[in-house]
Amino acid sequence: EANDPERRCILNNAAARRRDHLIKY
C-alpha cells in the first residue's frame, strides 16, 4: 500500500538496519 516516497523511506531504514547488522555480525 506504500507510495514511492514511502517505499524509499522503507528502503533507507532497511539499509541502515543492514549496516548495523554487518557491524554487529
PDB file of all heavy atoms in Angstrom:
ATOM      1  N   GLU A   1       0.808  -1.219   0.000  1.00  0.00           N
ATOM      2  CA  GLU A   1       0.000   0.000   0.000  1.00  0.00           C
ATOM      3  C   GLU A   1       0.843   1.273   0.000  1.00  0.00           C
ATOM      4  O   GLU A   1       0.300   2.375  -0.138  1.00  0.00           O
ATOM      5  CB  GLU A   1      -0.935   0.008   1.211  1.00  0.00           C
ATOM      6  CG  GLU A   1      -1.947  -1.127   1.197  1.00  0.00           C
ATOM      7  CD  GLU A   1      -2.877  -1.072  -0.003  1.00  0.00           C
ATOM      8  OE1 GLU A   1      -3.319   0.039  -0.372  1.00  0.00           O
ATOM      9  OE2 GLU A   1      -3.153  -2.143  -0.583  1.00  0.00           O
ATOM     10  N   ALA A   2       2.153   1.149   0.149  1.00  0.00           N
ATOM     11  CA  ALA A   2       3.025   2.326   0.241  1.00  0.00           C
ATOM     12  C   ALA A   2       3.234   2.969  -1.132  1.00  0.00           C
ATOM     13  O   ALA A   2       3.348   2.271  -2.143  1.00  0.00           O
ATOM     14  CB  ALA A   2       4.373   1.930   0.839  1.00  0.00           C
ATOM     15  N   ASN A   3       3.301   4.301  -1.153  1.00  0.00           N
ATOM     16  CA  ASN A   3       3.633   5.001  -2.397  1.00  0.00           C
ATOM     17  C   ASN A   3       5.157   5.034  -2.540  1.00  0.00           C
ATOM     18  O   ASN A   3       5.883   4.575  -1.664  1.00  0.00           O
ATOM     19  CB  ASN A   3       2.997   6.400  -2.419  1.00  0.00           C
ATOM     20  CG  ASN A   3       3.459   7.271  -1.270  1.00  0.00           C
ATOM     21  OD1 ASN A   3       4.613   7.200  -0.817  1.00  0.00           O
ATOM     22  ND2 ASN A   3       2.563   8.122  -0.780  1.00  0.00           N
ATOM     23  N   ASP A   4       5.639   5.538  -3.649  1.00  0.00           N
ATOM     24  CA  ASP A   4       7.082   5.506  -3.907  1.00  0.00           C
ATOM     25  C   ASP A   4       7.910   6.259  -2.856  1.00  0.00           C
ATOM     26  O   ASP A   4       8.932   5.738  -2.415  1.00  0.00           O
ATOM     27  CB  ASP A   4       7.402   5.999  -5.313  1.00  0.00           C
ATOM     28  CG  ASP A   4       7.080   4.952  -6.374  1.00  0.00           C
ATOM     29  OD1 ASP A   4       6.879   3.766  -6.025  1.00  0.00           O
ATOM     30  OD2 ASP A   4       7.045   5.305  -7.564  1.00  0.00           O
ATOM     31  N   PRO A   5       7.526   7.462  -2.416  1.00  0.00           N
ATOM     32  CA  PRO A   5       8.313   8.111  -1.355  1.00  0.00           C
ATOM     33  C   PRO A   5       8.343   7.288  -0.064  1.00  0.00           C
ATOM     34  O   PRO A   5       9.384   7.189   0.594  1.00  0.00           O
ATOM     35  CB  PRO A   5       7.601   9.452  -1.144  1.00  0.00           C
ATOM     36  CG  PRO A   5       6.943   9.734  -2.455  1.00  0.00           C
ATOM     37  CD  PRO A   5       6.513   8.382  -2.975  1.00  0.00           C
ATOM     38  N   GLU A   6       7.221   6.672   0.286  1.00  0.00           N
ATOM     39  CA  GLU A   6       7.187   5.822   1.476  1.00  0.00           C
ATOM     40  C   GLU A   6       8.077   4.592   1.292  1.00  0.00           C
ATOM     41  O   GLU A   6       8.774   4.178   2.216  1.00  0.00           O
ATOM     42  CB  GLU A   6       5.747   5.384   1.778  1.00  0.00           C
ATOM     43  CG  GLU A   6       4.862   6.531   2.214  1.00  0.00           C
ATOM     44  CD  GLU A   6       3.383   6.207   2.216  1.00  0.00           C
ATOM     45  OE1 GLU A   6       2.943   5.329   1.436  1.00  0.00           O
ATOM     46  OE2 GLU A   6       2.656   6.844   2.999  1.00  0.00           O
ATOM     47  N   ARG A   7       8.068   4.036   0.094  1.00  0.00           N
ATOM     48  CA  ARG A   7       8.915   2.880  -0.195  1.00  0.00           C
ATOM     49  C   ARG A   7      10.394   3.243  -0.099  1.00  0.00           C
ATOM     50  O   ARG A   7      11.191   2.472   0.418  1.00  0.00           O
ATOM     51  CB  ARG A   7       8.601   2.306  -1.581  1.00  0.00           C
ATOM     52  CG  ARG A   7       7.293   1.561  -1.620  1.00  0.00           C
ATOM     53  CD  ARG A   7       6.999   1.016  -2.985  1.00  0.00           C
ATOM     54  NE  ARG A   7       5.826   0.154  -2.936  1.00  0.00           N
ATOM     55  CZ  ARG A   7       5.556  -0.768  -3.824  1.00  0.00           C
ATOM     56  NH1 ARG A   7       6.346  -0.963  -4.857  1.00  0.00           N
ATOM     57  NH2 ARG A   7       4.473  -1.518  -3.701  1.00  0.00           N
ATOM     58  N   ARG A   8      10.761   4.428  -0.595  1.00  0.00           N
ATOM     59  CA  ARG A   8      12.160   4.860  -0.481  1.00  0.00           C
ATOM     60  C   ARG A   8      12.564   5.021   0.983  1.00  0.00           C
ATOM     61  O   ARG A   8      13.670   4.669   1.370  1.00  0.00           O
ATOM     62  CB  ARG A   8      12.389   6.149  -1.269  1.00  0.00           C
ATOM     63  CG  ARG A   8      12.528   5.896  -2.769  1.00  0.00           C
ATOM     64  CD  ARG A   8      12.979   7.136  -3.517  1.00  0.00           C
ATOM     65  NE  ARG A   8      11.910   8.097  -3.705  1.00  0.00           N
ATOM     66  CZ  ARG A   8      10.978   8.028  -4.653  1.00  0.00           C
ATOM     67  NH1 ARG A   8      11.003   7.023  -5.512  1.00  0.00           N
ATOM     68  NH2 ARG A   8      10.061   8.952  -4.749  1.00  0.00           N
ATOM     69  N   CYS A   9      11.660   5.524   1.801  1.00  0.00           N
ATOM     70  CA  CYS A   9      11.920   5.656   3.233  1.00  0.00           C
ATOM     71  C   CYS A   9      12.118   4.274   3.862  1.00  0.00           C
ATOM     72  O   CYS A   9      13.051   4.070   4.649  1.00  0.00           O
ATOM     73  CB  CYS A   9      10.757   6.396   3.896  1.00  0.00           C
ATOM     74  SG  CYS A   9      11.001   6.667   5.656  1.00  0.00           S
ATOM     75  N   ILE A  10      11.278   3.318   3.502  1.00  0.00           N
ATOM     76  CA  ILE A  10      11.420   1.950   3.997  1.00  0.00           C
ATOM     77  C   ILE A  10      12.773   1.375   3.578  1.00  0.00           C
ATOM     78  O   ILE A  10      13.464   0.746   4.386  1.00  0.00           O
ATOM     79  CB  ILE A  10      10.255   1.066   3.489  1.00  0.00           C
ATOM     80  CG1 ILE A  10       8.941   1.468   4.160  1.00  0.00           C
ATOM     81  CG2 ILE A  10      10.552  -0.422   3.705  1.00  0.00           C
ATOM     82  CD1 ILE A  10       7.691   0.834   3.548  1.00  0.00           C
ATOM     83  N   LEU A  11      13.166   1.605   2.333  1.00  0.00           N
ATOM     84  CA  LEU A  11      14.460   1.097   1.852  1.00  0.00           C
ATOM     85  C   LEU A  11      15.619   1.742   2.605  1.00  0.00           C
ATOM     86  O   LEU A  11      16.612   1.067   2.907  1.00  0.00           O
ATOM     87  CB  LEU A  11      14.598   1.337   0.346  1.00  0.00           C
ATOM     88  CG  LEU A  11      13.665   0.517  -0.539  1.00  0.00           C
ATOM     89  CD1 LEU A  11      13.879   0.894  -2.005  1.00  0.00           C
ATOM     90  CD2 LEU A  11      13.860  -0.970  -0.330  1.00  0.00           C
ATOM     91  N   ASN A  12      15.509   3.024   2.900  1.00  0.00           N
ATOM     92  CA  ASN A  12      16.562   3.696   3.685  1.00  0.00           C
ATOM     93  C   ASN A  12      16.660   3.104   5.086  1.00  0.00           C
ATOM     94  O   ASN A  12      17.760   2.878   5.594  1.00  0.00           O
ATOM     95  CB  ASN A  12      16.304   5.200   3.760  1.00  0.00           C
ATOM     96  CG  ASN A  12      16.584   5.899   2.457  1.00  0.00           C
ATOM     97  OD1 ASN A  12      17.346   5.409   1.631  1.00  0.00           O
ATOM     98  ND2 ASN A  12      15.961   7.036   2.257  1.00  0.00           N
ATOM     99  N   ASN A  13      15.517   2.848   5.704  1.00  0.00           N
ATOM    100  CA  ASN A  13      15.507   2.238   7.037  1.00  0.00           C
ATOM    101  C   ASN A  13      16.122   0.836   6.986  1.00  0.00           C
ATOM    102  O   ASN A  13      16.905   0.461   7.862  1.00  0.00           O
ATOM    103  CB  ASN A  13      14.087   2.143   7.583  1.00  0.00           C
ATOM    104  CG  ASN A  13      13.481   3.491   7.892  1.00  0.00           C
ATOM    105  OD1 ASN A  13      14.183   4.468   8.075  1.00  0.00           O
ATOM    106  ND2 ASN A  13      12.160   3.539   7.935  1.00  0.00           N
ATOM    107  N   ALA A  14      15.768   0.079   5.958  1.00  0.00           N
ATOM    108  CA  ALA A  14      16.300  -1.282   5.807  1.00  0.00           C
ATOM    109  C   ALA A  14      17.815  -1.255   5.586  1.00  0.00           C
ATOM    110  O   ALA A  14      18.540  -2.088   6.137  1.00  0.00           O
ATOM    111  CB  ALA A  14      15.604  -2.000   4.653  1.00  0.00           C
ATOM    112  N   ALA A  15      18.296  -0.290   4.812  1.00  0.00           N
ATOM    113  CA  ALA A  15      19.737  -0.179   4.564  1.00  0.00           C
ATOM    114  C   ALA A  15      20.484   0.125   5.862  1.00  0.00           C
ATOM    115  O   ALA A  15      21.565  -0.419   6.107  1.00  0.00           O
ATOM    116  CB  ALA A  15      20.015   0.905   3.520  1.00  0.00           C
ATOM    117  N   ALA A  16      19.905   0.964   6.703  1.00  0.00           N
ATOM    118  CA  ALA A  16      20.531   1.275   7.996  1.00  0.00           C
ATOM    119  C   ALA A  16      20.564   0.026   8.883  1.00  0.00           C
ATOM    120  O   ALA A  16      21.575  -0.241   9.545  1.00  0.00           O
ATOM    121  CB  ALA A  16      19.773   2.404   8.686  1.00  0.00           C
ATOM    122  N   ARG A  17      19.483  -0.739   8.865  1.00  0.00           N
ATOM    123  CA  ARG A  17      19.467  -1.983   9.653  1.00  0.00           C
ATOM    124  C   ARG A  17      20.507  -2.968   9.142  1.00  0.00           C
ATOM    125  O   ARG A  17      21.160  -3.656   9.914  1.00  0.00           O
ATOM    126  CB  ARG A  17      18.083  -2.632   9.605  1.00  0.00           C
ATOM    127  CG  ARG A  17      17.089  -1.980  10.480  1.00  0.00           C
ATOM    128  CD  ARG A  17      15.783  -2.784  10.512  1.00  0.00           C
ATOM    129  NE  ARG A  17      14.716  -1.853  10.741  1.00  0.00           N
ATOM    130  CZ  ARG A  17      13.925  -1.356   9.799  1.00  0.00           C
ATOM    131  NH1 ARG A  17      14.020  -1.765   8.559  1.00  0.00           N
ATOM    132  NH2 ARG A  17      13.004  -0.477  10.117  1.00  0.00           N
ATOM    133  N   ARG A  18      20.653  -3.030   7.828  1.00  0.00           N
ATOM    134  CA  ARG A  18      21.645  -3.930   7.234  1.00  0.00           C
ATOM    135  C   ARG A  18      23.060  -3.525   7.663  1.00  0.00           C
ATOM    136  O   ARG A  18      23.867  -4.361   8.043  1.00  0.00           O
ATOM    137  CB  ARG A  18      21.527  -3.933   5.714  1.00  0.00           C
ATOM    138  CG  ARG A  18      22.523  -4.838   5.026  1.00  0.00           C
ATOM    139  CD  ARG A  18      22.373  -4.756   3.498  1.00  0.00           C
ATOM    140  NE  ARG A  18      23.426  -5.448   2.836  1.00  0.00           N
ATOM    141  CZ  ARG A  18      23.411  -6.746   2.520  1.00  0.00           C
ATOM    142  NH1 ARG A  18      22.364  -7.473   2.824  1.00  0.00           N
ATOM    143  NH2 ARG A  18      24.428  -7.295   1.913  1.00  0.00           N
ATOM    144  N   ARG A  19      23.367  -2.220   7.609  1.00  0.00           N
ATOM    145  CA  ARG A  19      24.684  -1.732   8.043  1.00  0.00           C
ATOM    146  C   ARG A  19      24.931  -2.086   9.501  1.00  0.00           C
ATOM    147  O   ARG A  19      26.006  -2.576   9.858  1.00  0.00           O
ATOM    148  CB  ARG A  19      24.793  -0.224   7.837  1.00  0.00           C
ATOM    149  CG  ARG A  19      25.065   0.195   6.410  1.00  0.00           C
ATOM    150  CD  ARG A  19      25.398   1.677   6.301  1.00  0.00           C
ATOM    151  NE  ARG A  19      24.342   2.540   6.798  1.00  0.00           N
ATOM    152  CZ  ARG A  19      23.308   2.962   6.089  1.00  0.00           C
ATOM    153  NH1 ARG A  19      23.172   2.587   4.831  1.00  0.00           N
ATOM    154  NH2 ARG A  19      22.399   3.754   6.624  1.00  0.00           N
ATOM    155  N   ASP A  20      23.933  -1.849  10.348  1.00  0.00           N
ATOM    156  CA  ASP A  20      24.073  -2.170  11.772  1.00  0.00           C
ATOM    157  C   ASP A  20      24.304  -3.663  11.977  1.00  0.00           C
ATOM    158  O   ASP A  20      25.119  -4.061  12.807  1.00  0.00           O
ATOM    159  CB  ASP A  20      22.832  -1.732  12.555  1.00  0.00           C
ATOM    160  CG  ASP A  20      22.680  -0.225  12.639  1.00  0.00           C
ATOM    161  OD1 ASP A  20      23.675   0.501  12.345  1.00  0.00           O
ATOM    162  OD2 ASP A  20      21.570   0.230  12.990  1.00  0.00           O
ATOM    163  N   HIS A  21      23.592  -4.474  11.220  1.00  0.00           N
ATOM    164  CA  HIS A  21      23.740  -5.928  11.326  1.00  0.00           C
ATOM    165  C   HIS A  21      25.154  -6.359  10.917  1.00  0.00           C
ATOM    166  O   HIS A  21      25.775  -7.188  11.582  1.00  0.00           O
ATOM    167  CB  HIS A  21      22.695  -6.633  10.442  1.00  0.00           C
ATOM    168  CG  HIS A  21      22.750  -8.108  10.507  1.00  0.00           C
ATOM    169  ND1 HIS A  21      22.149  -8.839  11.509  1.00  0.00           N
ATOM    170  CD2 HIS A  21      23.360  -9.016   9.701  1.00  0.00           C
ATOM    171  CE1 HIS A  21      22.381 -10.121  11.317  1.00  0.00           C
ATOM    172  NE2 HIS A  21      23.092 -10.256  10.219  1.00  0.00           N
ATOM    173  N   LEU A  22      25.665  -5.773   9.836  1.00  0.00           N
ATOM    174  CA  LEU A  22      27.002  -6.136   9.358  1.00  0.00           C
ATOM    175  C   LEU A  22      28.093  -5.712  10.327  1.00  0.00           C
ATOM    176  O   LEU A  22      29.119  -6.381  10.424  1.00  0.00           O
ATOM    177  CB  LEU A  22      27.251  -5.534   7.979  1.00  0.00           C
ATOM    178  CG  LEU A  22      26.500  -6.196   6.843  1.00  0.00           C
ATOM    179  CD1 LEU A  22      26.667  -5.413   5.548  1.00  0.00           C
ATOM    180  CD2 LEU A  22      26.957  -7.630   6.660  1.00  0.00           C
ATOM    181  N   ILE A  23      27.870  -4.640  11.044  1.00  0.00           N
ATOM    182  CA  ILE A  23      28.831  -4.214  12.064  1.00  0.00           C
ATOM    183  C   ILE A  23      28.821  -5.204  13.230  1.00  0.00           C
ATOM    184  O   ILE A  23      29.857  -5.619  13.719  1.00  0.00           O
ATOM    185  CB  ILE A  23      28.517  -2.776  12.536  1.00  0.00           C
ATOM    186  CG1 ILE A  23      28.846  -1.780  11.430  1.00  0.00           C
ATOM    187  CG2 ILE A  23      29.284  -2.443  13.817  1.00  0.00           C
ATOM    188  CD1 ILE A  23      28.311  -0.381  11.662  1.00  0.00           C
ATOM    189  N   LYS A  24      27.623  -5.588  13.643  1.00  0.00           N
ATOM    190  CA  LYS A  24      27.481  -6.497  14.781  1.00  0.00           C
ATOM    191  C   LYS A  24      27.864  -7.940  14.433  1.00  0.00           C
ATOM    192  O   LYS A  24      28.448  -8.643  15.228  1.00  0.00           O
ATOM    193  CB  LYS A  24      26.048  -6.436  15.288  1.00  0.00           C
ATOM    194  CG  LYS A  24      25.833  -7.149  16.603  1.00  0.00           C
ATOM    195  CD  LYS A  24      24.436  -6.869  17.146  1.00  0.00           C
ATOM    196  CE  LYS A  24      24.252  -7.536  18.492  1.00  0.00           C
ATOM    197  NZ  LYS A  24      22.925  -7.282  19.055  1.00  0.00           N
ATOM    198  N   TYR A  25      27.520  -8.369  13.214  1.00  0.00           N
ATOM    199  CA  TYR A  25      27.776  -9.739  12.751  1.00  0.00           C
ATOM    200  C   TYR A  25      28.458  -9.694  11.380  1.00  0.00           C
ATOM    201  O   TYR A  25      27.823  -9.956  10.354  1.00  0.00           O
ATOM    202  CB  TYR A  25      26.448 -10.524  12.631  1.00  0.00           C
ATOM    203  CG  TYR A  25      25.611 -10.513  13.872  1.00  0.00           C
ATOM    204  CD1 TYR A  25      24.483  -9.697  13.973  1.00  0.00           C
ATOM    205  CD2 TYR A  25      25.954 -11.311  14.964  1.00  0.00           C
ATOM    206  CE1 TYR A  25      23.705  -9.696  15.115  1.00  0.00           C
ATOM    207  CE2 TYR A  25      25.171 -11.310  16.113  1.00  0.00           C
ATOM    208  CZ  TYR A  25      24.054 -10.507  16.180  1.00  0.00           C
ATOM    209  OH  TYR A  25      23.287 -10.501  17.318  1.00  0.00           O
TER     210      TYR A  25
END
